[in-house]
Every structure is written in structure tokens, then in C-alpha cells.
N, C-alpha and C. Protein backbone atom coordinates (compact mmCIF):
# COMPACT_ATOMS: atom_id res chain seq x y z
N MET A 1 -31.28 -18.16 -34.44
CA MET A 1 -32.63 -17.90 -34.89
C MET A 1 -33.56 -18.96 -34.30
N PRO A 2 -34.65 -18.54 -33.67
CA PRO A 2 -35.61 -19.52 -33.13
C PRO A 2 -36.40 -20.19 -34.27
N VAL A 3 -37.07 -21.27 -33.91
CA VAL A 3 -37.91 -21.97 -34.89
C VAL A 3 -39.02 -21.04 -35.34
N ASP A 4 -39.23 -20.97 -36.64
CA ASP A 4 -40.27 -20.13 -37.23
C ASP A 4 -41.64 -20.69 -36.83
N PRO A 5 -42.44 -19.94 -36.07
CA PRO A 5 -43.76 -20.45 -35.66
C PRO A 5 -44.72 -20.61 -36.83
N ASP A 6 -44.45 -19.94 -37.95
CA ASP A 6 -45.30 -20.07 -39.14
C ASP A 6 -44.91 -21.26 -40.01
N LEU A 7 -43.99 -22.07 -39.52
CA LEU A 7 -43.54 -23.24 -40.26
C LEU A 7 -44.64 -24.30 -40.40
N ALA A 8 -45.58 -24.33 -39.45
CA ALA A 8 -46.67 -25.32 -39.49
C ALA A 8 -47.43 -25.18 -40.80
N ALA A 9 -47.72 -26.30 -41.42
CA ALA A 9 -48.44 -26.43 -42.69
C ALA A 9 -47.55 -26.15 -43.91
N ARG A 10 -46.29 -25.88 -43.69
CA ARG A 10 -45.39 -25.67 -44.83
C ARG A 10 -45.09 -27.00 -45.50
N GLU A 11 -45.14 -26.99 -46.83
CA GLU A 11 -44.81 -28.18 -47.62
C GLU A 11 -43.50 -27.94 -48.35
N PHE A 12 -42.72 -29.00 -48.44
CA PHE A 12 -41.46 -28.94 -49.16
C PHE A 12 -41.62 -29.69 -50.49
N PRO A 13 -40.80 -29.38 -51.48
CA PRO A 13 -40.94 -30.06 -52.77
C PRO A 13 -40.64 -31.55 -52.66
N PRO A 14 -41.22 -32.35 -53.55
CA PRO A 14 -40.93 -33.80 -53.54
C PRO A 14 -39.44 -34.04 -53.81
N THR A 15 -38.94 -35.11 -53.22
CA THR A 15 -37.55 -35.51 -53.46
C THR A 15 -37.44 -36.16 -54.83
N GLU A 16 -36.23 -36.29 -55.30
CA GLU A 16 -35.98 -37.09 -56.50
C GLU A 16 -36.30 -38.54 -56.16
N PRO A 17 -36.76 -39.33 -57.13
CA PRO A 17 -37.05 -40.74 -56.83
C PRO A 17 -35.82 -41.48 -56.31
N TYR A 18 -36.05 -42.29 -55.30
CA TYR A 18 -35.01 -43.12 -54.71
C TYR A 18 -35.28 -44.56 -55.15
N LEU A 19 -34.34 -45.14 -55.89
CA LEU A 19 -34.50 -46.52 -56.36
C LEU A 19 -34.03 -47.46 -55.26
N VAL A 20 -34.94 -48.26 -54.74
CA VAL A 20 -34.65 -49.18 -53.65
C VAL A 20 -33.88 -50.37 -54.23
N GLY A 21 -32.65 -50.51 -53.81
CA GLY A 21 -31.80 -51.59 -54.30
C GLY A 21 -31.86 -52.82 -53.41
N ARG A 22 -31.74 -53.96 -54.03
CA ARG A 22 -31.78 -55.24 -53.30
C ARG A 22 -30.69 -55.30 -52.24
N GLU A 23 -29.48 -54.91 -52.61
CA GLU A 23 -28.37 -54.98 -51.64
C GLU A 23 -28.56 -53.96 -50.52
N LYS A 24 -29.14 -52.81 -50.82
CA LYS A 24 -29.42 -51.82 -49.76
C LYS A 24 -30.41 -52.41 -48.76
N VAL A 25 -31.44 -53.10 -49.26
CA VAL A 25 -32.41 -53.73 -48.35
C VAL A 25 -31.71 -54.79 -47.50
N ARG A 26 -30.87 -55.59 -48.11
CA ARG A 26 -30.15 -56.62 -47.36
C ARG A 26 -29.24 -55.99 -46.30
N GLU A 27 -28.50 -54.95 -46.68
CA GLU A 27 -27.60 -54.28 -45.74
C GLU A 27 -28.38 -53.67 -44.58
N PHE A 28 -29.48 -52.99 -44.89
CA PHE A 28 -30.30 -52.37 -43.86
C PHE A 28 -30.87 -53.44 -42.94
N SER A 29 -31.33 -54.54 -43.51
CA SER A 29 -31.89 -55.64 -42.72
C SER A 29 -30.87 -56.19 -41.74
N ARG A 30 -29.65 -56.38 -42.20
CA ARG A 30 -28.60 -56.85 -41.29
C ARG A 30 -28.33 -55.83 -40.20
N ALA A 31 -28.32 -54.55 -40.56
CA ALA A 31 -28.00 -53.49 -39.59
C ALA A 31 -29.04 -53.39 -38.48
N VAL A 32 -30.31 -53.68 -38.80
CA VAL A 32 -31.37 -53.57 -37.78
C VAL A 32 -31.79 -54.94 -37.25
N PHE A 33 -31.03 -55.97 -37.59
CA PHE A 33 -31.27 -57.33 -37.11
C PHE A 33 -32.65 -57.86 -37.52
N ALA A 34 -33.08 -57.50 -38.74
CA ALA A 34 -34.33 -58.04 -39.30
C ALA A 34 -33.96 -59.36 -39.98
N THR A 35 -34.25 -60.46 -39.31
CA THR A 35 -33.76 -61.76 -39.75
C THR A 35 -34.77 -62.59 -40.54
N ALA A 36 -35.98 -62.08 -40.73
CA ALA A 36 -36.97 -62.83 -41.51
C ALA A 36 -36.44 -63.01 -42.94
N PRO A 37 -36.59 -64.20 -43.51
CA PRO A 37 -35.98 -64.48 -44.81
C PRO A 37 -36.41 -63.57 -45.95
N GLN A 38 -37.63 -63.01 -45.90
CA GLN A 38 -38.08 -62.17 -47.00
C GLN A 38 -37.26 -60.88 -47.13
N HIS A 39 -36.47 -60.55 -46.10
CA HIS A 39 -35.65 -59.34 -46.16
C HIS A 39 -34.35 -59.56 -46.92
N THR A 40 -33.93 -60.80 -47.09
CA THR A 40 -32.64 -61.06 -47.74
C THR A 40 -32.72 -62.09 -48.87
N ASP A 41 -33.75 -62.89 -48.90
CA ASP A 41 -33.86 -63.99 -49.86
C ASP A 41 -35.00 -63.72 -50.85
N VAL A 42 -34.63 -63.57 -52.12
CA VAL A 42 -35.62 -63.25 -53.15
C VAL A 42 -36.68 -64.35 -53.24
N ALA A 43 -36.26 -65.60 -53.19
CA ALA A 43 -37.22 -66.71 -53.29
C ALA A 43 -38.22 -66.68 -52.13
N ALA A 44 -37.74 -66.38 -50.93
CA ALA A 44 -38.64 -66.31 -49.77
C ALA A 44 -39.63 -65.16 -49.94
N ALA A 45 -39.15 -64.03 -50.43
CA ALA A 45 -40.03 -62.87 -50.66
C ALA A 45 -41.08 -63.19 -51.73
N ARG A 46 -40.65 -63.84 -52.79
CA ARG A 46 -41.59 -64.19 -53.88
C ARG A 46 -42.62 -65.22 -53.41
N ALA A 47 -42.20 -66.11 -52.54
CA ALA A 47 -43.15 -67.09 -52.00
C ALA A 47 -44.25 -66.42 -51.19
N LEU A 48 -43.97 -65.22 -50.69
CA LEU A 48 -44.97 -64.45 -49.94
C LEU A 48 -45.74 -63.49 -50.85
N GLY A 49 -45.45 -63.54 -52.16
CA GLY A 49 -46.19 -62.72 -53.11
C GLY A 49 -45.55 -61.39 -53.47
N HIS A 50 -44.31 -61.18 -53.07
CA HIS A 50 -43.62 -59.93 -53.38
C HIS A 50 -42.73 -60.11 -54.60
N ALA A 51 -42.47 -59.02 -55.30
CA ALA A 51 -41.64 -59.08 -56.51
C ALA A 51 -40.16 -59.26 -56.20
N ASP A 52 -39.74 -58.84 -55.02
CA ASP A 52 -38.32 -58.91 -54.65
C ASP A 52 -38.24 -58.85 -53.12
N VAL A 53 -37.02 -58.71 -52.59
CA VAL A 53 -36.86 -58.68 -51.15
C VAL A 53 -37.64 -57.51 -50.55
N VAL A 54 -38.14 -57.71 -49.34
CA VAL A 54 -38.99 -56.75 -48.64
C VAL A 54 -38.16 -56.01 -47.60
N ALA A 55 -38.24 -54.69 -47.63
CA ALA A 55 -37.50 -53.88 -46.66
C ALA A 55 -38.18 -53.95 -45.29
N PRO A 56 -37.39 -53.93 -44.22
CA PRO A 56 -37.99 -53.82 -42.88
C PRO A 56 -38.76 -52.51 -42.78
N PRO A 57 -39.74 -52.44 -41.89
CA PRO A 57 -40.57 -51.23 -41.81
C PRO A 57 -39.81 -49.93 -41.61
N THR A 58 -38.72 -49.96 -40.86
CA THR A 58 -38.00 -48.71 -40.60
C THR A 58 -37.16 -48.24 -41.79
N PHE A 59 -37.09 -49.02 -42.87
CA PHE A 59 -36.36 -48.61 -44.08
C PHE A 59 -36.94 -47.32 -44.65
N ALA A 60 -38.22 -47.06 -44.38
CA ALA A 60 -38.85 -45.83 -44.88
C ALA A 60 -38.09 -44.60 -44.40
N MET A 61 -37.34 -44.73 -43.33
CA MET A 61 -36.57 -43.60 -42.81
C MET A 61 -35.51 -43.14 -43.79
N VAL A 62 -35.06 -44.02 -44.68
CA VAL A 62 -34.08 -43.64 -45.70
C VAL A 62 -34.66 -42.53 -46.59
N ILE A 63 -35.92 -42.68 -46.98
CA ILE A 63 -36.57 -41.68 -47.83
C ILE A 63 -36.98 -40.47 -46.98
N ALA A 64 -37.50 -40.72 -45.78
CA ALA A 64 -37.91 -39.63 -44.89
C ALA A 64 -36.71 -38.74 -44.56
N ASP A 65 -35.53 -39.33 -44.42
CA ASP A 65 -34.34 -38.54 -44.13
C ASP A 65 -34.07 -37.54 -45.24
N GLN A 66 -34.30 -37.92 -46.48
CA GLN A 66 -34.09 -36.98 -47.59
C GLN A 66 -34.98 -35.75 -47.44
N THR A 67 -36.20 -35.95 -46.98
CA THR A 67 -37.11 -34.82 -46.82
C THR A 67 -36.72 -33.99 -45.60
N LEU A 68 -36.29 -34.64 -44.53
CA LEU A 68 -35.86 -33.91 -43.34
C LEU A 68 -34.61 -33.08 -43.63
N GLN A 69 -33.79 -33.55 -44.55
CA GLN A 69 -32.60 -32.77 -44.94
C GLN A 69 -33.01 -31.45 -45.59
N GLN A 70 -34.14 -31.43 -46.30
CA GLN A 70 -34.65 -30.18 -46.88
C GLN A 70 -34.99 -29.19 -45.76
N LEU A 71 -35.66 -29.68 -44.73
CA LEU A 71 -36.03 -28.85 -43.59
C LEU A 71 -34.79 -28.28 -42.92
N LEU A 72 -33.79 -29.13 -42.70
CA LEU A 72 -32.56 -28.71 -42.03
C LEU A 72 -31.73 -27.76 -42.88
N ALA A 73 -31.82 -27.88 -44.19
CA ALA A 73 -31.01 -27.06 -45.09
C ALA A 73 -31.55 -25.65 -45.27
N ASP A 74 -32.79 -25.41 -44.85
CA ASP A 74 -33.41 -24.11 -45.04
C ASP A 74 -33.23 -23.28 -43.77
N PRO A 75 -32.33 -22.28 -43.79
CA PRO A 75 -32.07 -21.51 -42.57
C PRO A 75 -33.28 -20.71 -42.08
N SER A 76 -34.25 -20.45 -42.93
CA SER A 76 -35.42 -19.67 -42.50
C SER A 76 -36.31 -20.43 -41.53
N THR A 77 -36.16 -21.76 -41.44
CA THR A 77 -37.01 -22.56 -40.57
C THR A 77 -36.62 -22.44 -39.10
N GLY A 78 -35.33 -22.16 -38.84
CA GLY A 78 -34.85 -22.13 -37.47
C GLY A 78 -34.59 -23.53 -36.91
N VAL A 79 -34.77 -24.56 -37.73
CA VAL A 79 -34.52 -25.95 -37.30
C VAL A 79 -33.05 -26.26 -37.61
N VAL A 80 -32.29 -26.47 -36.54
CA VAL A 80 -30.85 -26.67 -36.66
C VAL A 80 -30.50 -28.04 -36.08
N LEU A 81 -29.81 -28.85 -36.86
CA LEU A 81 -29.48 -30.22 -36.44
C LEU A 81 -28.76 -30.26 -35.10
N GLU A 82 -27.85 -29.36 -34.87
CA GLU A 82 -27.06 -29.37 -33.63
C GLU A 82 -27.93 -29.14 -32.39
N ARG A 83 -29.12 -28.61 -32.57
CA ARG A 83 -30.02 -28.37 -31.44
C ARG A 83 -31.22 -29.31 -31.45
N ALA A 84 -31.21 -30.30 -32.35
CA ALA A 84 -32.38 -31.16 -32.54
C ALA A 84 -32.21 -32.50 -31.81
N LEU A 85 -33.33 -32.94 -31.25
CA LEU A 85 -33.42 -34.27 -30.64
C LEU A 85 -34.64 -34.95 -31.27
N HIS A 86 -34.41 -36.09 -31.89
CA HIS A 86 -35.50 -36.84 -32.54
C HIS A 86 -36.27 -37.57 -31.45
N THR A 87 -37.52 -37.18 -31.21
CA THR A 87 -38.25 -37.70 -30.06
C THR A 87 -39.30 -38.75 -30.40
N ASP A 88 -39.76 -38.80 -31.66
CA ASP A 88 -40.83 -39.73 -32.00
C ASP A 88 -40.78 -40.06 -33.48
N GLN A 89 -41.13 -41.30 -33.81
CA GLN A 89 -41.19 -41.74 -35.21
C GLN A 89 -42.27 -42.80 -35.33
N GLN A 90 -43.15 -42.63 -36.31
CA GLN A 90 -44.20 -43.62 -36.58
C GLN A 90 -44.31 -43.82 -38.08
N PHE A 91 -44.76 -45.02 -38.47
CA PHE A 91 -44.95 -45.35 -39.88
C PHE A 91 -46.35 -45.91 -40.08
N ARG A 92 -47.02 -45.45 -41.13
CA ARG A 92 -48.33 -45.98 -41.53
C ARG A 92 -48.21 -46.45 -42.98
N TYR A 93 -48.26 -47.76 -43.15
CA TYR A 93 -48.02 -48.37 -44.45
C TYR A 93 -49.31 -48.71 -45.19
N SER A 94 -49.27 -48.50 -46.52
CA SER A 94 -50.31 -49.04 -47.41
C SER A 94 -49.85 -50.38 -47.98
N ARG A 95 -48.54 -50.48 -48.17
CA ARG A 95 -47.93 -51.73 -48.64
C ARG A 95 -46.46 -51.71 -48.29
N PRO A 96 -45.81 -52.88 -48.28
CA PRO A 96 -44.39 -52.91 -47.95
C PRO A 96 -43.53 -52.27 -49.05
N ILE A 97 -42.36 -51.84 -48.67
CA ILE A 97 -41.35 -51.39 -49.62
C ILE A 97 -40.60 -52.62 -50.09
N VAL A 98 -40.41 -52.74 -51.41
CA VAL A 98 -39.67 -53.86 -51.96
C VAL A 98 -38.57 -53.35 -52.88
N ALA A 99 -37.52 -54.14 -53.03
CA ALA A 99 -36.44 -53.78 -53.94
C ALA A 99 -37.03 -53.58 -55.33
N GLY A 100 -36.57 -52.54 -55.99
CA GLY A 100 -37.10 -52.18 -57.31
C GLY A 100 -38.05 -51.00 -57.27
N ASP A 101 -38.57 -50.68 -56.10
CA ASP A 101 -39.45 -49.51 -55.97
C ASP A 101 -38.65 -48.23 -56.25
N ALA A 102 -39.29 -47.28 -56.91
CA ALA A 102 -38.76 -45.93 -57.05
C ALA A 102 -39.65 -45.04 -56.20
N LEU A 103 -39.12 -44.56 -55.08
CA LEU A 103 -39.93 -43.87 -54.08
C LEU A 103 -39.59 -42.38 -53.99
N THR A 104 -40.63 -41.59 -53.85
CA THR A 104 -40.51 -40.15 -53.71
C THR A 104 -41.13 -39.74 -52.38
N GLY A 105 -40.49 -38.83 -51.68
CA GLY A 105 -41.01 -38.34 -50.42
C GLY A 105 -41.37 -36.88 -50.50
N LYS A 106 -42.42 -36.51 -49.79
CA LYS A 106 -42.83 -35.11 -49.71
C LYS A 106 -43.13 -34.78 -48.25
N LEU A 107 -42.43 -33.78 -47.72
CA LEU A 107 -42.52 -33.40 -46.32
C LEU A 107 -43.51 -32.26 -46.12
N THR A 108 -44.36 -32.42 -45.11
CA THR A 108 -45.22 -31.34 -44.63
C THR A 108 -45.01 -31.19 -43.14
N VAL A 109 -44.75 -29.97 -42.70
CA VAL A 109 -44.66 -29.70 -41.26
C VAL A 109 -46.10 -29.61 -40.77
N THR A 110 -46.45 -30.44 -39.81
CA THR A 110 -47.83 -30.52 -39.35
C THR A 110 -48.11 -29.70 -38.09
N ARG A 111 -47.03 -29.41 -37.32
CA ARG A 111 -47.26 -28.66 -36.08
C ARG A 111 -45.95 -28.09 -35.58
N VAL A 112 -46.03 -26.89 -35.05
CA VAL A 112 -44.92 -26.27 -34.33
C VAL A 112 -45.48 -25.83 -32.99
N ARG A 113 -44.89 -26.36 -31.94
CA ARG A 113 -45.35 -26.02 -30.59
C ARG A 113 -44.19 -25.40 -29.84
N GLN A 114 -44.33 -24.12 -29.53
CA GLN A 114 -43.29 -23.43 -28.77
C GLN A 114 -43.23 -24.01 -27.36
N MET A 115 -42.03 -24.21 -26.87
CA MET A 115 -41.80 -24.75 -25.53
C MET A 115 -40.67 -23.94 -24.90
N GLY A 116 -41.04 -22.89 -24.20
CA GLY A 116 -40.02 -22.01 -23.64
C GLY A 116 -39.25 -21.37 -24.79
N ALA A 117 -37.93 -21.48 -24.75
CA ALA A 117 -37.10 -20.92 -25.81
C ALA A 117 -36.92 -21.89 -26.97
N GLY A 118 -37.43 -23.12 -26.84
CA GLY A 118 -37.31 -24.12 -27.90
C GLY A 118 -38.65 -24.40 -28.54
N ALA A 119 -38.72 -25.48 -29.30
CA ALA A 119 -39.97 -25.83 -29.97
C ALA A 119 -39.99 -27.31 -30.32
N MET A 120 -41.21 -27.86 -30.40
CA MET A 120 -41.44 -29.21 -30.92
C MET A 120 -41.93 -29.03 -32.35
N VAL A 121 -41.28 -29.71 -33.29
CA VAL A 121 -41.66 -29.62 -34.70
C VAL A 121 -42.09 -31.02 -35.15
N SER A 122 -43.36 -31.14 -35.53
CA SER A 122 -43.89 -32.41 -36.02
C SER A 122 -44.05 -32.32 -37.53
N SER A 123 -43.76 -33.42 -38.20
CA SER A 123 -43.87 -33.44 -39.66
C SER A 123 -44.31 -34.82 -40.13
N GLU A 124 -44.78 -34.84 -41.37
CA GLU A 124 -45.13 -36.10 -42.03
C GLU A 124 -44.50 -36.12 -43.41
N THR A 125 -43.93 -37.26 -43.73
CA THR A 125 -43.41 -37.49 -45.07
C THR A 125 -44.29 -38.52 -45.75
N GLU A 126 -44.94 -38.11 -46.83
CA GLU A 126 -45.74 -39.03 -47.64
C GLU A 126 -44.82 -39.64 -48.68
N VAL A 127 -44.72 -40.96 -48.68
CA VAL A 127 -43.86 -41.67 -49.61
C VAL A 127 -44.75 -42.37 -50.63
N THR A 128 -44.49 -42.08 -51.90
CA THR A 128 -45.26 -42.67 -52.99
C THR A 128 -44.34 -43.41 -53.94
N ASP A 129 -44.93 -44.33 -54.71
CA ASP A 129 -44.15 -45.08 -55.69
C ASP A 129 -44.18 -44.37 -57.05
N ALA A 130 -43.61 -45.00 -58.06
CA ALA A 130 -43.49 -44.39 -59.38
C ALA A 130 -44.85 -44.12 -60.03
N THR A 131 -45.89 -44.80 -59.60
CA THR A 131 -47.23 -44.56 -60.15
C THR A 131 -47.98 -43.48 -59.37
N GLY A 132 -47.37 -43.00 -58.28
CA GLY A 132 -48.01 -42.00 -57.43
C GLY A 132 -48.84 -42.61 -56.31
N ALA A 133 -48.84 -43.94 -56.21
CA ALA A 133 -49.61 -44.61 -55.16
C ALA A 133 -48.89 -44.48 -53.81
N HIS A 134 -49.69 -44.29 -52.76
CA HIS A 134 -49.16 -44.18 -51.40
C HIS A 134 -48.52 -45.50 -50.98
N VAL A 135 -47.34 -45.40 -50.38
CA VAL A 135 -46.65 -46.57 -49.83
C VAL A 135 -46.62 -46.47 -48.31
N VAL A 136 -46.17 -45.32 -47.79
CA VAL A 136 -46.03 -45.16 -46.35
C VAL A 136 -46.03 -43.68 -45.99
N THR A 137 -46.54 -43.39 -44.82
CA THR A 137 -46.40 -42.06 -44.23
C THR A 137 -45.51 -42.21 -43.02
N ALA A 138 -44.44 -41.42 -42.99
CA ALA A 138 -43.52 -41.40 -41.86
C ALA A 138 -43.76 -40.12 -41.08
N ALA A 139 -44.24 -40.26 -39.85
CA ALA A 139 -44.49 -39.11 -38.98
C ALA A 139 -43.34 -38.99 -37.98
N SER A 140 -42.85 -37.78 -37.81
CA SER A 140 -41.66 -37.55 -36.99
C SER A 140 -41.84 -36.32 -36.12
N THR A 141 -41.23 -36.34 -34.95
CA THR A 141 -41.23 -35.16 -34.09
C THR A 141 -39.80 -34.87 -33.66
N LEU A 142 -39.43 -33.60 -33.79
CA LEU A 142 -38.12 -33.12 -33.36
C LEU A 142 -38.30 -32.11 -32.24
N LEU A 143 -37.48 -32.22 -31.21
CA LEU A 143 -37.42 -31.21 -30.17
C LEU A 143 -36.21 -30.35 -30.51
N ILE A 144 -36.47 -29.05 -30.73
CA ILE A 144 -35.40 -28.13 -31.09
C ILE A 144 -35.09 -27.27 -29.88
N GLY A 145 -33.88 -27.41 -29.38
CA GLY A 145 -33.47 -26.64 -28.22
C GLY A 145 -33.25 -25.18 -28.55
N SER A 146 -33.14 -24.37 -27.53
CA SER A 146 -32.93 -22.95 -27.72
C SER A 146 -31.51 -22.67 -28.20
N GLU A 147 -31.33 -21.49 -28.76
CA GLU A 147 -30.01 -21.09 -29.22
C GLU A 147 -29.10 -20.89 -28.02
N ALA A 148 -27.83 -21.19 -28.21
CA ALA A 148 -26.84 -20.98 -27.14
C ALA A 148 -26.65 -19.49 -26.94
N GLU A 149 -26.56 -19.11 -25.71
CA GLU A 149 -26.36 -17.68 -25.38
C GLU A 149 -24.92 -17.32 -25.50
């Protein structure tokens, strides 16, 4: 099934809140070689005015992935992981993610551009905290290849 051209502007339901754990932030920081002390040391983070350790900017992908899984799980979209290539990722922050945050993501497909037998699918995930305040927008583009003949 090809990518649904009417997918643009489709919104998916918000994810369940994701509780950002201190050890998850530390593990992620080590995995991406984020060595600044505020990513692993509570005292260093607090000295900078944060309540707990601060996640590296790309940590937002943990929540964005939950929303992208909704897109991939819906067969009506025509977006299939085996044919997908992640081509672009951007983050626009209102504030850093810190351990203790309960974050919810909501995905909106912003554009579908047909390219031969495939398509480029652009989306944005709005990530909010427990109060509903904006934390980060994760913008992503997937190149979806054509179906195998």
C-alpha cells in the first residue's frame, strides 16, 4: 500500500505520560557522549537552576519515538518501517527536559510529498509537561520507499 496522500494534517492521540527517570537520563547521556556534568550530577544540575539532571537535547526522541510508533502501527497510513529512511530531525525547545518530568507527545503529520512511487512524510511531535506547558517540538522527516514488486 502506498503512503496515503491525505495523511497530511492528520493528528494522532496524545501518548501516555512518560516519566523521565534520573538513571534513564544518565544512561542516555553516556550513550550519546554528553559529558557535561548537569547530565549526570544532580548537584551540578541544581547549581545551574534545574530541579534534577538535565537530559541532552536529543533525549526528546524517546518521547517522539512513541508518537512515531502510532504512525507506523496504523496500516491505513502506508508508512512501513521496513521501507522508511529517517532523513531529518530537528528540535525546538521552550525549556530543557529534566529528570522528574512527566512528558506527553502528540504527533501531527505536517506534509506528505509524493516522490515517484515513494513519499516524504514530515511530522511534528509537540511534547508537553504535566501542566500542559510546551517543552519541545520534535520535527521529523521520513522517506518512504516504494513497495517491492
